[in-house]
Amino acid sequence: MAMTLVQTVMIAIILIVSAINLNDGETNAVEGMTHSVLFATFIMLAFLGL
């Protein structure tokens, strides 16, 4: 995949947060919003070309 360093770091952060949140098998709205904000940030950075 042709990702920049910033995008690669964002993917790593998303994967780490996913592993932490899904560790106990239950999630809540705050954890869901965390993923939404991280995804929105990733998309914004992709559109900016960073």
PDB file of N, CA and C in Angstrom:
ATOM      1  N   MET A   1       0.843  -1.173   0.000  1.00  0.00           N
ATOM      2  CA  MET A   1       0.000   0.000   0.000  1.00  0.00           C
ATOM      3  C   MET A   1       0.886   1.233   0.000  1.00  0.00           C
ATOM      4  N   ALA A   2       0.466   2.212  -0.740  1.00  0.00           N
ATOM      5  CA  ALA A   2       1.243   3.448  -0.833  1.00  0.00           C
ATOM      6  C   ALA A   2       0.737   4.439   0.201  1.00  0.00           C
ATOM      7  N   MET A   3       1.183   4.258   1.447  1.00  0.00           N
ATOM      8  CA  MET A   3       0.776   5.162   2.524  1.00  0.00           C
ATOM      9  C   MET A   3       1.976   5.971   2.976  1.00  0.00           C
ATOM     10  N   THR A   4       1.688   7.174   3.426  1.00  0.00           N
ATOM     11  CA  THR A   4       2.753   8.015   3.966  1.00  0.00           C
ATOM     12  C   THR A   4       3.078   7.559   5.380  1.00  0.00           C
ATOM     13  N   LEU A   5       4.118   8.131   5.938  1.00  0.00           N
ATOM     14  CA  LEU A   5       4.512   7.794   7.308  1.00  0.00           C
ATOM     15  C   LEU A   5       3.412   8.170   8.300  1.00  0.00           C
ATOM     16  N   VAL A   6       2.775   9.309   8.096  1.00  0.00           N
ATOM     17  CA  VAL A   6       1.707   9.755   8.998  1.00  0.00           C
ATOM     18  C   VAL A   6       0.536   8.784   8.949  1.00  0.00           C
ATOM     19  N   GLN A   7       0.157   8.347   7.754  1.00  0.00           N
ATOM     20  CA  GLN A   7      -0.945   7.393   7.613  1.00  0.00           C
ATOM     21  C   GLN A   7      -0.590   6.047   8.234  1.00  0.00           C
ATOM     22  N   THR A   8       0.653   5.625   8.098  1.00  0.00           N
ATOM     23  CA  THR A   8       1.086   4.364   8.702  1.00  0.00           C
ATOM     24  C   THR A   8       1.012   4.437  10.220  1.00  0.00           C
ATOM     25  N   VAL A   9       1.408   5.569  10.788  1.00  0.00           N
ATOM     26  CA  VAL A   9       1.322   5.750  12.239  1.00  0.00           C
ATOM     27  C   VAL A   9      -0.131   5.756  12.686  1.00  0.00           C
ATOM     28  N   MET A  10      -1.008   6.405  11.911  1.00  0.00           N
ATOM     29  CA  MET A  10      -2.437   6.418  12.257  1.00  0.00           C
ATOM     30  C   MET A  10      -3.019   5.006  12.243  1.00  0.00           C
ATOM     31  N   ILE A  11      -2.662   4.207  11.265  1.00  0.00           N
ATOM     32  CA  ILE A  11      -3.144   2.816  11.207  1.00  0.00           C
ATOM     33  C   ILE A  11      -2.639   2.045  12.421  1.00  0.00           C
ATOM     34  N   ALA A  12      -1.387   2.258  12.794  1.00  0.00           N
ATOM     35  CA  ALA A  12      -0.841   1.577  13.973  1.00  0.00           C
ATOM     36  C   ALA A  12      -1.600   1.983  15.235  1.00  0.00           C
ATOM     37  N   ILE A  13      -1.901   3.276  15.373  1.00  0.00           N
ATOM     38  CA  ILE A  13      -2.660   3.744  16.534  1.00  0.00           C
ATOM     39  C   ILE A  13      -4.048   3.118  16.558  1.00  0.00           C
ATOM     40  N   ILE A  14      -4.701   3.060  15.408  1.00  0.00           N
ATOM     41  CA  ILE A  14      -6.036   2.468  15.322  1.00  0.00           C
ATOM     42  C   ILE A  14      -5.997   0.990  15.714  1.00  0.00           C
ATOM     43  N   LEU A  15      -4.992   0.268  15.256  1.00  0.00           N
ATOM     44  CA  LEU A  15      -4.886  -1.155  15.592  1.00  0.00           C
ATOM     45  C   LEU A  15      -4.620  -1.361  17.080  1.00  0.00           C
ATOM     46  N   ILE A  16      -3.794  -0.508  17.668  1.00  0.00           N
ATOM     47  CA  ILE A  16      -3.517  -0.623  19.107  1.00  0.00           C
ATOM     48  C   ILE A  16      -4.770  -0.320  19.915  1.00  0.00           C
ATOM     49  N   VAL A  17      -5.489   0.741  19.542  1.00  0.00           N
ATOM     50  CA  VAL A  17      -6.724   1.090  20.254  1.00  0.00           C
ATOM     51  C   VAL A  17      -7.758  -0.018  20.091  1.00  0.00           C
ATOM     52  N   SER A  18      -7.845  -0.610  18.911  1.00  0.00           N
ATOM     53  CA  SER A  18      -8.781  -1.720  18.694  1.00  0.00           C
ATOM     54  C   SER A  18      -8.445  -2.903  19.580  1.00  0.00           C
ATOM     55  N   ALA A  19      -7.174  -3.228  19.679  1.00  0.00           N
ATOM     56  CA  ALA A  19      -6.763  -4.357  20.510  1.00  0.00           C
ATOM     57  C   ALA A  19      -7.090  -4.108  21.978  1.00  0.00           C
ATOM     58  N   ILE A  20      -6.871  -2.881  22.435  1.00  0.00           N
ATOM     59  CA  ILE A  20      -7.174  -2.552  23.829  1.00  0.00           C
ATOM     60  C   ILE A  20      -8.677  -2.596  24.087  1.00  0.00           C
ATOM     61  N   ASN A  21      -9.459  -2.014  23.176  1.00  0.00           N
ATOM     62  CA  ASN A  21     -10.905  -1.948  23.373  1.00  0.00           C
ATOM     63  C   ASN A  21     -11.585  -3.312  23.274  1.00  0.00           C
ATOM     64  N   LEU A  22     -11.099  -4.162  22.411  1.00  0.00           N
ATOM     65  CA  LEU A  22     -11.753  -5.459  22.202  1.00  0.00           C
ATOM     66  C   LEU A  22     -11.191  -6.549  23.103  1.00  0.00           C
ATOM     67  N   ASN A  23     -10.264  -6.209  23.980  1.00  0.00           N
ATOM     68  CA  ASN A  23      -9.630  -7.193  24.842  1.00  0.00           C
ATOM     69  C   ASN A  23     -10.625  -7.872  25.775  1.00  0.00           C
ATOM     70  N   ASP A  24     -11.562  -7.104  26.321  1.00  0.00           N
ATOM     71  CA  ASP A  24     -12.516  -7.685  27.268  1.00  0.00           C
ATOM     72  C   ASP A  24     -13.778  -8.219  26.598  1.00  0.00           C
ATOM     73  N   GLY A  25     -13.946  -8.015  25.307  1.00  0.00           N
ATOM     74  CA  GLY A  25     -15.101  -8.542  24.586  1.00  0.00           C
ATOM     75  C   GLY A  25     -16.318  -7.650  24.621  1.00  0.00           C
ATOM     76  N   GLU A  26     -16.234  -6.520  25.318  1.00  0.00           N
ATOM     77  CA  GLU A  26     -17.357  -5.591  25.377  1.00  0.00           C
ATOM     78  C   GLU A  26     -16.870  -4.198  25.007  1.00  0.00           C
ATOM     79  N   THR A  27     -17.730  -3.445  24.340  1.00  0.00           N
ATOM     80  CA  THR A  27     -17.405  -2.069  24.005  1.00  0.00           C
ATOM     81  C   THR A  27     -18.541  -1.170  24.459  1.00  0.00           C
ATOM     82  N   ASN A  28     -18.297   0.126  24.446  1.00  0.00           N
ATOM     83  CA  ASN A  28     -19.341   1.087  24.793  1.00  0.00           C
ATOM     84  C   ASN A  28     -19.275   2.255  23.818  1.00  0.00           C
ATOM     85  N   ALA A  29     -20.127   3.240  24.041  1.00  0.00           N
ATOM     86  CA  ALA A  29     -20.225   4.360  23.113  1.00  0.00           C
ATOM     87  C   ALA A  29     -18.951   5.204  23.070  1.00  0.00           C
ATOM     88  N   VAL A  30     -18.287   5.352  24.200  1.00  0.00           N
ATOM     89  CA  VAL A  30     -17.059   6.161  24.234  1.00  0.00           C
ATOM     90  C   VAL A  30     -15.978   5.504  23.382  1.00  0.00           C
ATOM     91  N   GLU A  31     -15.852   4.200  23.484  1.00  0.00           N
ATOM     92  CA  GLU A  31     -14.861   3.491  22.667  1.00  0.00           C
ATOM     93  C   GLU A  31     -15.230   3.567  21.186  1.00  0.00           C
ATOM     94  N   GLY A  32     -16.508   3.510  20.883  1.00  0.00           N
ATOM     95  CA  GLY A  32     -16.951   3.645  19.495  1.00  0.00           C
ATOM     96  C   GLY A  32     -16.655   5.023  18.937  1.00  0.00           C
ATOM     97  N   MET A  33     -16.868   6.055  19.747  1.00  0.00           N
ATOM     98  CA  MET A  33     -16.556   7.408  19.302  1.00  0.00           C
ATOM     99  C   MET A  33     -15.052   7.598  19.109  1.00  0.00           C
ATOM    100  N   THR A  34     -14.257   6.931  19.934  1.00  0.00           N
ATOM    101  CA  THR A  34     -12.806   6.995  19.770  1.00  0.00           C
ATOM    102  C   THR A  34     -12.405   6.479  18.397  1.00  0.00           C
ATOM    103  N   HIS A  35     -12.988   5.363  17.995  1.00  0.00           N
ATOM    104  CA  HIS A  35     -12.693   4.810  16.673  1.00  0.00           C
ATOM    105  C   HIS A  35     -13.188   5.736  15.565  1.00  0.00           C
ATOM    106  N   SER A  36     -14.347   6.345  15.750  1.00  0.00           N
ATOM    107  CA  SER A  36     -14.881   7.265  14.748  1.00  0.00           C
ATOM    108  C   SER A  36     -13.982   8.480  14.570  1.00  0.00           C
ATOM    109  N   VAL A  37     -13.495   9.029  15.668  1.00  0.00           N
ATOM    110  CA  VAL A  37     -12.613  10.197  15.603  1.00  0.00           C
ATOM    111  C   VAL A  37     -11.289   9.821  14.949  1.00  0.00           C
ATOM    112  N   LEU A  38     -10.741   8.677  15.313  1.00  0.00           N
ATOM    113  CA  LEU A  38      -9.484   8.240  14.689  1.00  0.00           C
ATOM    114  C   LEU A  38      -9.665   8.023  13.187  1.00  0.00           C
ATOM    115  N   PHE A  39     -10.793   7.420  12.791  1.00  0.00           N
ATOM    116  CA  PHE A  39     -11.045   7.185  11.371  1.00  0.00           C
ATOM    117  C   PHE A  39     -11.228   8.508  10.627  1.00  0.00           C
ATOM    118  N   ALA A  40     -11.954   9.447  11.221  1.00  0.00           N
ATOM    119  CA  ALA A  40     -12.150  10.755  10.590  1.00  0.00           C
ATOM    120  C   ALA A  40     -10.814  11.482  10.435  1.00  0.00           C
ATOM    121  N   THR A  41      -9.957  11.361  11.432  1.00  0.00           N
ATOM    122  CA  THR A  41      -8.626  11.973  11.353  1.00  0.00           C
ATOM    123  C   THR A  41      -7.808  11.348  10.239  1.00  0.00           C
ATOM    124  N   PHE A  42      -7.881  10.018  10.123  1.00  0.00           N
ATOM    125  CA  PHE A  42      -7.154   9.323   9.057  1.00  0.00           C
ATOM    126  C   PHE A  42      -7.637   9.784   7.682  1.00  0.00           C
ATOM    127  N   ILE A  43      -8.949   9.885   7.501  1.00  0.00           N
ATOM    128  CA  ILE A  43      -9.510  10.322   6.215  1.00  0.00           C
ATOM    129  C   ILE A  43      -9.092  11.765   5.918  1.00  0.00           C
ATOM    130  N   MET A  44      -9.151  12.645   6.925  1.00  0.00           N
ATOM    131  CA  MET A  44      -8.752  14.033   6.734  1.00  0.00           C
ATOM    132  C   MET A  44      -7.288  14.121   6.296  1.00  0.00           C
ATOM    133  N   LEU A  45      -6.426  13.364   6.963  1.00  0.00           N
ATOM    134  CA  LEU A  45      -5.007  13.378   6.602  1.00  0.00           C
ATOM    135  C   LEU A  45      -4.790  12.810   5.205  1.00  0.00           C
ATOM    136  N   ALA A  46      -5.584  11.820   4.812  1.00  0.00           N
ATOM    137  CA  ALA A  46      -5.454  11.249   3.463  1.00  0.00           C
ATOM    138  C   ALA A  46      -5.843  12.280   2.415  1.00  0.00           C
ATOM    139  N   PHE A  47      -6.914  13.043   2.667  1.00  0.00           N
ATOM    140  CA  PHE A  47      -7.322  14.075   1.720  1.00  0.00           C
ATOM    141  C   PHE A  47      -6.322  15.227   1.654  1.00  0.00           C
ATOM    142  N   LEU A  48      -5.659  15.513   2.761  1.00  0.00           N
ATOM    143  CA  LEU A  48      -4.641  16.564   2.763  1.00  0.00           C
ATOM    144  C   LEU A  48      -3.333  16.102   2.134  1.00  0.00           C
ATOM    145  N   GLY A  49      -3.195  14.806   1.943  1.00  0.00           N
ATOM    146  CA  GLY A  49      -1.993  14.278   1.321  1.00  0.00           C
ATOM    147  C   GLY A  49      -0.847  14.060   2.278  1.00  0.00           C
ATOM    148  N   LEU A  50      -1.155  13.989   3.576  1.00  0.00           N
ATOM    149  CA  LEU A  50      -0.090  13.765   4.562  1.00  0.00           C
ATOM    150  C   LEU A  50       0.082  12.311   4.874  1.00  0.00           C
TER     151      LEU A  50
END
